[in-house]
Amino acid sequence: MAITIEATYENGVLHPDKPLPFHEKQRIKLTIHEPGVAGNSGYGMIRWTGSLEDLDYLLDDAGNDPLEGP
């Protein structure tokens, strides 16, 4: 099962905005992304088969920093 949640980090603890569908002491695996960072929502959806040079060119040609967003 994969779910996406929003949470707040405070005093070393993640506080989910809504209850989670897990049992007490159930082990889970987390992947954490900061909101608003470009590339997080679509990462891995389309496999890049070109060269790294072509990818760098396309990212530079966008006119902004790809990690900053539009």
Protein backbone atom coordinates (compact mmCIF):
# COMPACT_ATOMS: atom_id res chain seq x y z
CA MET A 1 0.00 0.00 0.00
CA ALA A 2 1.27 3.51 -0.79
CA ILE A 3 -0.30 6.66 0.62
CA THR A 4 0.61 10.34 0.53
CA ILE A 5 0.03 12.42 3.63
CA GLU A 6 0.87 15.89 4.86
CA ALA A 7 2.49 16.30 8.24
CA THR A 8 4.16 18.91 10.40
CA TYR A 9 7.62 18.39 11.86
CA GLU A 10 7.87 19.77 15.39
CA ASN A 11 10.41 19.12 18.15
CA GLY A 12 11.83 16.08 16.35
CA VAL A 13 8.44 14.43 15.73
CA LEU A 14 6.27 14.18 12.59
CA HIS A 15 2.61 15.01 13.29
CA PRO A 16 0.30 13.80 10.48
CA ASP A 17 -2.55 16.15 9.59
CA LYS A 18 -5.00 13.21 9.56
CA PRO A 19 -5.08 9.78 11.26
CA LEU A 20 -3.05 7.05 9.55
CA PRO A 21 -4.41 3.60 8.59
CA PHE A 22 -1.77 1.61 10.51
CA HIS A 23 -1.78 -0.62 13.57
CA GLU A 24 0.10 0.31 16.75
CA LYS A 25 3.82 -0.57 16.46
CA GLN A 26 3.40 -1.53 12.79
CA ARG A 27 6.67 -0.97 10.89
CA ILE A 28 6.43 1.26 7.84
CA LYS A 29 8.90 2.80 5.37
CA LEU A 30 8.84 6.58 4.82
CA THR A 31 9.98 8.69 1.90
CA ILE A 32 9.87 12.38 2.76
CA HIS A 33 9.75 15.32 0.31
CA GLU A 34 9.47 19.00 1.08
CA PRO A 35 6.33 20.50 -0.49
CA GLY A 36 6.89 22.76 -3.48
CA VAL A 37 10.17 21.18 -4.61
CA ALA A 38 9.97 20.61 -8.36
CA GLY A 39 10.17 17.02 -9.50
CA ASN A 40 8.84 15.36 -6.37
CA SER A 41 5.33 14.66 -7.63
CA GLY A 42 6.37 13.20 -10.97
CA TYR A 43 9.69 11.62 -10.06
CA GLY A 44 10.14 8.29 -11.77
CA MET A 45 6.95 8.47 -13.85
CA ILE A 46 8.77 8.79 -17.18
CA ARG A 47 12.08 7.05 -17.72
CA TRP A 48 14.70 9.30 -19.34
CA THR A 49 16.49 7.43 -22.13
CA GLY A 50 18.53 10.33 -23.52
CA SER A 51 22.00 11.48 -22.54
CA LEU A 52 22.75 13.49 -19.42
CA GLU A 53 23.97 16.33 -21.65
CA ASP A 54 20.58 16.49 -23.39
CA LEU A 55 18.79 16.49 -20.05
CA ASP A 56 21.01 19.29 -18.72
CA TYR A 57 20.29 21.28 -21.89
CA LEU A 58 16.54 20.86 -21.50
CA LEU A 59 16.61 21.85 -17.83
CA ASP A 60 18.81 24.89 -18.53
CA ASP A 61 16.60 25.88 -21.48
CA ALA A 62 13.56 26.10 -19.18
CA GLY A 63 14.82 29.50 -18.06
CA ASN A 64 14.73 28.82 -14.33
CA ASP A 65 16.26 26.60 -11.71
CA PRO A 66 14.40 23.24 -11.96
CA LEU A 67 14.60 22.83 -8.19
CA GLU A 68 13.04 26.26 -7.54
CA GLY A 69 9.90 25.72 -9.63
CA PRO A 70 8.30 28.25 -12.01
